[in-house]
Amino acid sequence: MGIGFGSRGLHSAAGATVLALAVAGPALPVFAPAVPVGGPPNPCYWQTVHWVELSKTERSLLGQLGWNARNWESYDRKDDPPSESKPWADLTDRQRRINEALGISEKSWDNPPECEQT
């Protein structure tokens, strides 16, 4: 159900308006990555970015969802963290907050965009 991070993986285009989101809860950074107002300008960003291209904050947040360099770069869905196959309603509050900090909404989680593999 998830956006399919591991099929690759927030991106702001030059000049895009951004909003820094604060995330509450244990072990989460005080500020999440800057998220363009209205969501990422490229809905397929997460499926195209490599682990090493992610910011330290993004890697930290994704790590809390079960992602790491190995499974992020894998095209095999069986390597995805268990939460990736759950509908938004079945995610924990913490998982929802982390996804929201990454610019992923309930709508985009439950209805991920069709993206070409690169």
N, C-alpha and C. Protein backbone atom coordinates (compact mmCIF):
# COMPACT_ATOMS: atom_id res chain seq x y z
N MET A 1 0.82 -1.18 0.00
CA MET A 1 0.00 0.00 0.00
C MET A 1 0.86 1.25 0.00
N GLY A 2 2.03 1.17 0.60
CA GLY A 2 2.88 2.34 0.76
C GLY A 2 3.34 2.93 -0.55
N ILE A 3 4.03 4.02 -0.43
CA ILE A 3 4.46 4.74 -1.62
C ILE A 3 5.57 4.01 -2.35
N GLY A 4 6.09 2.97 -1.78
CA GLY A 4 7.09 2.19 -2.48
C GLY A 4 8.46 2.82 -2.42
N PHE A 5 8.86 3.24 -1.23
CA PHE A 5 10.16 3.87 -1.08
C PHE A 5 11.25 3.03 -1.70
N GLY A 6 11.27 1.74 -1.42
CA GLY A 6 12.38 0.90 -1.82
C GLY A 6 12.46 0.66 -3.30
N SER A 7 11.40 0.90 -3.98
CA SER A 7 11.46 0.79 -5.42
C SER A 7 12.22 2.01 -5.90
N ARG A 8 12.81 2.64 -5.04
CA ARG A 8 13.67 3.81 -4.95
C ARG A 8 12.98 4.89 -4.19
N GLY A 9 13.64 5.74 -3.92
CA GLY A 9 13.27 6.52 -2.95
C GLY A 9 12.96 7.90 -2.75
N LEU A 10 12.30 13.29 -0.87
CA LEU A 10 11.50 14.47 -0.93
C LEU A 10 12.36 15.42 -1.71
N HIS A 11 11.99 15.86 -2.42
CA HIS A 11 12.74 16.63 -3.36
C HIS A 11 12.04 17.96 -3.51
N SER A 12 12.81 19.00 -3.50
CA SER A 12 12.18 20.28 -3.78
C SER A 12 12.83 20.89 -5.00
N ALA A 13 11.99 21.32 -5.90
CA ALA A 13 12.49 21.94 -7.13
C ALA A 13 12.96 23.34 -6.81
N ALA A 14 13.86 23.85 -7.61
CA ALA A 14 14.37 25.20 -7.40
C ALA A 14 13.20 26.17 -7.37
N GLY A 15 13.18 27.00 -6.37
CA GLY A 15 12.14 28.00 -6.25
C GLY A 15 10.85 27.51 -5.63
N ALA A 16 10.76 26.24 -5.28
CA ALA A 16 9.52 25.72 -4.68
C ALA A 16 9.36 26.28 -3.28
N THR A 17 8.13 26.53 -2.91
CA THR A 17 7.84 26.96 -1.55
C THR A 17 7.95 25.75 -0.64
N VAL A 18 8.65 25.89 0.47
CA VAL A 18 8.82 24.76 1.37
C VAL A 18 8.30 25.09 2.75
N LEU A 19 7.99 24.04 3.47
CA LEU A 19 7.48 24.15 4.83
C LEU A 19 8.24 23.16 5.68
N ALA A 20 8.87 23.63 6.76
CA ALA A 20 9.57 22.71 7.66
C ALA A 20 8.55 22.17 8.65
N LEU A 21 8.48 20.86 8.75
CA LEU A 21 7.52 20.22 9.64
C LEU A 21 8.19 19.81 10.94
N ALA A 22 7.55 20.11 12.05
CA ALA A 22 8.04 19.64 13.34
C ALA A 22 7.36 18.31 13.63
N VAL A 23 8.10 17.36 14.15
CA VAL A 23 7.56 16.03 14.43
C VAL A 23 7.72 15.77 15.92
N ALA A 24 6.62 15.42 16.56
CA ALA A 24 6.67 15.12 17.99
C ALA A 24 6.82 13.63 18.19
N GLY A 25 7.39 13.24 19.30
CA GLY A 25 7.50 11.83 19.62
C GLY A 25 8.92 11.44 19.92
N PRO A 26 9.12 10.36 20.63
CA PRO A 26 10.46 9.94 21.00
C PRO A 26 11.29 9.52 19.79
N ALA A 27 12.55 9.83 19.84
CA ALA A 27 13.55 9.41 18.86
C ALA A 27 13.37 10.02 17.48
N LEU A 28 12.47 10.98 17.34
CA LEU A 28 12.32 11.67 16.07
C LEU A 28 13.08 12.99 16.15
N PRO A 29 13.67 13.42 15.05
CA PRO A 29 14.35 14.71 15.08
C PRO A 29 13.36 15.82 15.37
N VAL A 30 13.85 16.93 15.89
CA VAL A 30 12.98 18.06 16.20
C VAL A 30 12.38 18.60 14.91
N PHE A 31 13.18 18.70 13.86
CA PHE A 31 12.66 19.17 12.58
C PHE A 31 12.86 18.11 11.52
N ALA A 32 11.82 17.88 10.77
CA ALA A 32 11.87 16.94 9.66
C ALA A 32 12.39 17.68 8.44
N PRO A 33 12.65 16.98 7.36
CA PRO A 33 13.14 17.65 6.15
C PRO A 33 12.15 18.70 5.65
N ALA A 34 12.65 19.65 4.89
CA ALA A 34 11.78 20.67 4.31
C ALA A 34 10.89 20.00 3.27
N VAL A 35 9.60 20.20 3.39
CA VAL A 35 8.64 19.58 2.49
C VAL A 35 7.94 20.68 1.71
N PRO A 36 7.92 20.61 0.39
CA PRO A 36 7.19 21.62 -0.39
C PRO A 36 5.73 21.64 0.02
N VAL A 37 5.16 22.84 0.13
CA VAL A 37 3.75 22.97 0.45
C VAL A 37 2.96 22.23 -0.63
N GLY A 38 2.05 21.37 -0.21
CA GLY A 38 1.26 20.59 -1.16
C GLY A 38 1.90 19.26 -1.52
N GLY A 39 3.03 18.94 -0.90
CA GLY A 39 3.69 17.66 -1.16
C GLY A 39 4.87 17.81 -2.09
N PRO A 40 5.61 16.73 -2.30
CA PRO A 40 6.76 16.79 -3.19
C PRO A 40 6.34 17.19 -4.60
N PRO A 41 7.14 18.04 -5.28
CA PRO A 41 6.77 18.45 -6.64
C PRO A 41 6.82 17.27 -7.61
N ASN A 42 7.63 16.27 -7.32
CA ASN A 42 7.72 15.09 -8.16
C ASN A 42 7.25 13.90 -7.33
N PRO A 43 6.02 13.42 -7.55
CA PRO A 43 5.50 12.33 -6.71
C PRO A 43 6.30 11.03 -6.85
N CYS A 44 7.13 10.91 -7.86
CA CYS A 44 7.94 9.71 -8.04
C CYS A 44 9.34 9.86 -7.47
N TYR A 45 9.59 10.97 -6.76
CA TYR A 45 10.93 11.22 -6.22
C TYR A 45 11.45 10.04 -5.42
N TRP A 46 10.64 9.53 -4.49
CA TRP A 46 11.11 8.46 -3.60
C TRP A 46 11.51 7.21 -4.37
N GLN A 47 10.92 7.00 -5.53
CA GLN A 47 11.25 5.82 -6.31
C GLN A 47 12.48 6.03 -7.20
N THR A 48 13.01 7.23 -7.24
CA THR A 48 14.14 7.51 -8.12
C THR A 48 15.43 7.87 -7.40
N VAL A 49 15.34 8.26 -6.15
CA VAL A 49 16.53 8.73 -5.43
C VAL A 49 17.27 7.55 -4.80
N HIS A 50 18.59 7.62 -4.82
CA HIS A 50 19.42 6.59 -4.19
C HIS A 50 19.65 6.94 -2.72
N TRP A 51 19.91 5.93 -1.92
CA TRP A 51 20.12 6.09 -0.48
C TRP A 51 21.19 7.15 -0.19
N VAL A 52 22.28 7.11 -0.90
CA VAL A 52 23.38 8.06 -0.63
C VAL A 52 23.00 9.49 -0.98
N GLU A 53 21.95 9.69 -1.77
CA GLU A 53 21.50 11.03 -2.14
C GLU A 53 20.54 11.63 -1.11
N LEU A 54 20.05 10.80 -0.20
CA LEU A 54 19.13 11.28 0.83
C LEU A 54 19.89 12.08 1.88
N SER A 55 19.20 13.03 2.50
CA SER A 55 19.82 13.79 3.59
C SER A 55 19.96 12.88 4.81
N LYS A 56 20.78 13.30 5.73
CA LYS A 56 20.96 12.53 6.97
C LYS A 56 19.63 12.41 7.71
N THR A 57 18.85 13.47 7.73
CA THR A 57 17.55 13.45 8.40
C THR A 57 16.60 12.48 7.71
N GLU A 58 16.57 12.52 6.37
CA GLU A 58 15.71 11.59 5.64
C GLU A 58 16.11 10.14 5.92
N ARG A 59 17.42 9.86 5.90
CA ARG A 59 17.88 8.49 6.19
C ARG A 59 17.50 8.08 7.61
N SER A 60 17.59 9.01 8.55
CA SER A 60 17.22 8.71 9.93
C SER A 60 15.73 8.37 10.04
N LEU A 61 14.90 9.19 9.43
CA LEU A 61 13.46 8.94 9.47
C LEU A 61 13.12 7.63 8.76
N LEU A 62 13.69 7.42 7.60
CA LEU A 62 13.42 6.18 6.85
C LEU A 62 13.93 4.97 7.62
N GLY A 63 15.06 5.12 8.31
CA GLY A 63 15.59 4.03 9.14
C GLY A 63 14.61 3.62 10.22
N GLN A 64 13.89 4.60 10.77
CA GLN A 64 12.90 4.31 11.80
C GLN A 64 11.69 3.56 11.23
N LEU A 65 11.55 3.60 9.91
CA LEU A 65 10.49 2.84 9.25
C LEU A 65 10.99 1.47 8.78
N GLY A 66 12.28 1.19 9.01
CA GLY A 66 12.83 -0.12 8.64
C GLY A 66 13.67 -0.12 7.38
N TRP A 67 13.91 1.06 6.80
CA TRP A 67 14.72 1.13 5.59
C TRP A 67 16.20 1.25 5.92
N ASN A 68 17.03 0.72 5.06
CA ASN A 68 18.48 0.85 5.16
C ASN A 68 19.02 0.86 3.73
N ALA A 69 20.30 1.07 3.57
CA ALA A 69 20.89 1.17 2.23
C ALA A 69 20.61 -0.07 1.39
N ARG A 70 20.68 -1.25 2.00
CA ARG A 70 20.49 -2.49 1.25
C ARG A 70 19.07 -2.63 0.72
N ASN A 71 18.08 -2.52 1.61
CA ASN A 71 16.71 -2.74 1.14
C ASN A 71 16.18 -1.55 0.33
N TRP A 72 16.71 -0.36 0.56
CA TRP A 72 16.31 0.81 -0.23
C TRP A 72 16.67 0.62 -1.70
N GLU A 73 17.85 0.10 -1.96
CA GLU A 73 18.34 -0.06 -3.33
C GLU A 73 17.85 -1.34 -4.00
N SER A 74 17.16 -2.19 -3.25
CA SER A 74 16.66 -3.45 -3.80
C SER A 74 15.39 -3.21 -4.60
N TYR A 75 15.29 -3.88 -5.73
CA TYR A 75 14.06 -3.82 -6.52
C TYR A 75 13.12 -4.95 -6.15
N ASP A 76 13.51 -5.76 -5.19
CA ASP A 76 12.70 -6.90 -4.76
C ASP A 76 11.80 -6.46 -3.61
N ARG A 77 10.51 -6.44 -3.84
CA ARG A 77 9.56 -5.96 -2.83
C ARG A 77 9.61 -6.79 -1.54
N LYS A 78 10.09 -8.02 -1.60
CA LYS A 78 10.17 -8.83 -0.38
C LYS A 78 11.19 -8.26 0.60
N ASP A 79 12.06 -7.36 0.14
CA ASP A 79 13.03 -6.71 1.02
C ASP A 79 12.45 -5.49 1.73
N ASP A 80 11.26 -5.05 1.32
CA ASP A 80 10.64 -3.86 1.93
C ASP A 80 10.29 -4.13 3.39
N PRO A 81 10.34 -3.10 4.24
CA PRO A 81 9.88 -3.27 5.62
C PRO A 81 8.40 -3.67 5.65
N PRO A 82 7.98 -4.38 6.68
CA PRO A 82 6.59 -4.86 6.75
C PRO A 82 5.54 -3.75 6.62
N SER A 83 5.82 -2.56 7.13
CA SER A 83 4.83 -1.49 7.08
C SER A 83 4.50 -1.07 5.65
N GLU A 84 5.38 -1.32 4.70
CA GLU A 84 5.17 -0.92 3.30
C GLU A 84 3.92 -1.54 2.69
N SER A 85 3.53 -2.71 3.16
CA SER A 85 2.38 -3.40 2.57
C SER A 85 1.08 -3.13 3.33
N LYS A 86 1.15 -2.29 4.36
CA LYS A 86 -0.05 -2.00 5.16
C LYS A 86 -0.77 -0.77 4.61
N PRO A 87 -2.11 -0.76 4.73
CA PRO A 87 -2.82 0.48 4.43
C PRO A 87 -2.53 1.52 5.52
N TRP A 88 -2.71 2.79 5.20
CA TRP A 88 -2.45 3.89 6.13
C TRP A 88 -3.13 3.66 7.47
N ALA A 89 -4.37 3.21 7.44
CA ALA A 89 -5.15 3.00 8.67
C ALA A 89 -4.50 1.99 9.60
N ASP A 90 -3.69 1.08 9.06
CA ASP A 90 -3.04 0.05 9.88
C ASP A 90 -1.64 0.45 10.36
N LEU A 91 -1.14 1.61 9.92
CA LEU A 91 0.15 2.09 10.42
C LEU A 91 -0.01 2.59 11.84
N THR A 92 1.06 2.53 12.61
CA THR A 92 1.02 3.09 13.95
C THR A 92 1.01 4.61 13.84
N ASP A 93 0.64 5.29 14.91
CA ASP A 93 0.68 6.76 14.92
C ASP A 93 2.08 7.25 14.60
N ARG A 94 3.07 6.59 15.16
CA ARG A 94 4.47 6.97 14.92
C ARG A 94 4.84 6.82 13.44
N GLN A 95 4.45 5.71 12.83
CA GLN A 95 4.74 5.50 11.40
C GLN A 95 4.06 6.56 10.54
N ARG A 96 2.82 6.93 10.92
CA ARG A 96 2.12 7.98 10.17
C ARG A 96 2.84 9.32 10.31
N ARG A 97 3.27 9.66 11.53
CA ARG A 97 3.99 10.94 11.75
C ARG A 97 5.28 10.98 10.94
N ILE A 98 6.00 9.88 10.92
CA ILE A 98 7.26 9.84 10.16
C ILE A 98 6.97 10.02 8.67
N ASN A 99 5.99 9.30 8.16
CA ASN A 99 5.64 9.44 6.75
C ASN A 99 5.20 10.86 6.43
N GLU A 100 4.40 11.46 7.29
CA GLU A 100 3.97 12.84 7.07
C GLU A 100 5.17 13.79 7.06
N ALA A 101 6.13 13.56 7.93
CA ALA A 101 7.34 14.38 7.95
C ALA A 101 8.12 14.25 6.65
N LEU A 102 7.97 13.12 5.99
CA LEU A 102 8.65 12.88 4.71
C LEU A 102 7.80 13.35 3.52
N GLY A 103 6.64 13.94 3.81
CA GLY A 103 5.79 14.46 2.74
C GLY A 103 4.82 13.46 2.18
N ILE A 104 4.65 12.34 2.88
CA ILE A 104 3.74 11.28 2.42
C ILE A 104 2.42 11.42 3.17
N SER A 105 1.33 11.55 2.45
CA SER A 105 0.01 11.69 3.05
C SER A 105 -0.74 10.36 2.99
N GLU A 106 -1.87 10.32 3.67
CA GLU A 106 -2.71 9.11 3.60
C GLU A 106 -3.09 8.83 2.15
N LYS A 107 -3.45 9.88 1.42
CA LYS A 107 -3.86 9.71 0.02
C LYS A 107 -2.72 9.13 -0.82
N SER A 108 -1.52 9.69 -0.69
CA SER A 108 -0.42 9.20 -1.52
C SER A 108 0.08 7.83 -1.06
N TRP A 109 -0.10 7.51 0.23
CA TRP A 109 0.29 6.19 0.74
C TRP A 109 -0.63 5.10 0.19
N ASP A 110 -1.93 5.35 0.30
CA ASP A 110 -2.90 4.34 -0.12
C ASP A 110 -3.09 4.29 -1.64
N ASN A 111 -2.70 5.34 -2.33
CA ASN A 111 -2.83 5.39 -3.79
C ASN A 111 -1.53 5.91 -4.39
N PRO A 112 -0.45 5.12 -4.29
CA PRO A 112 0.84 5.60 -4.77
C PRO A 112 0.84 5.81 -6.28
N PRO A 113 1.65 6.78 -6.74
CA PRO A 113 1.70 7.04 -8.17
C PRO A 113 2.37 5.89 -8.91
N GLU A 114 2.01 5.72 -10.15
CA GLU A 114 2.67 4.75 -11.02
C GLU A 114 3.95 5.42 -11.52
N CYS A 115 5.07 4.83 -11.22
CA CYS A 115 6.36 5.42 -11.59
C CYS A 115 7.19 4.39 -12.36
N GLU A 116 7.92 4.88 -13.33
CA GLU A 116 8.84 4.01 -14.05
C GLU A 116 10.06 3.72 -13.20
N GLN A 117 10.56 2.49 -13.24
CA GLN A 117 11.79 2.14 -12.55
C GLN A 117 12.98 2.73 -13.32
N THR A 118 13.92 3.29 -12.59
CA THR A 118 15.12 3.84 -13.24
C THR A 118 16.34 3.09 -12.80
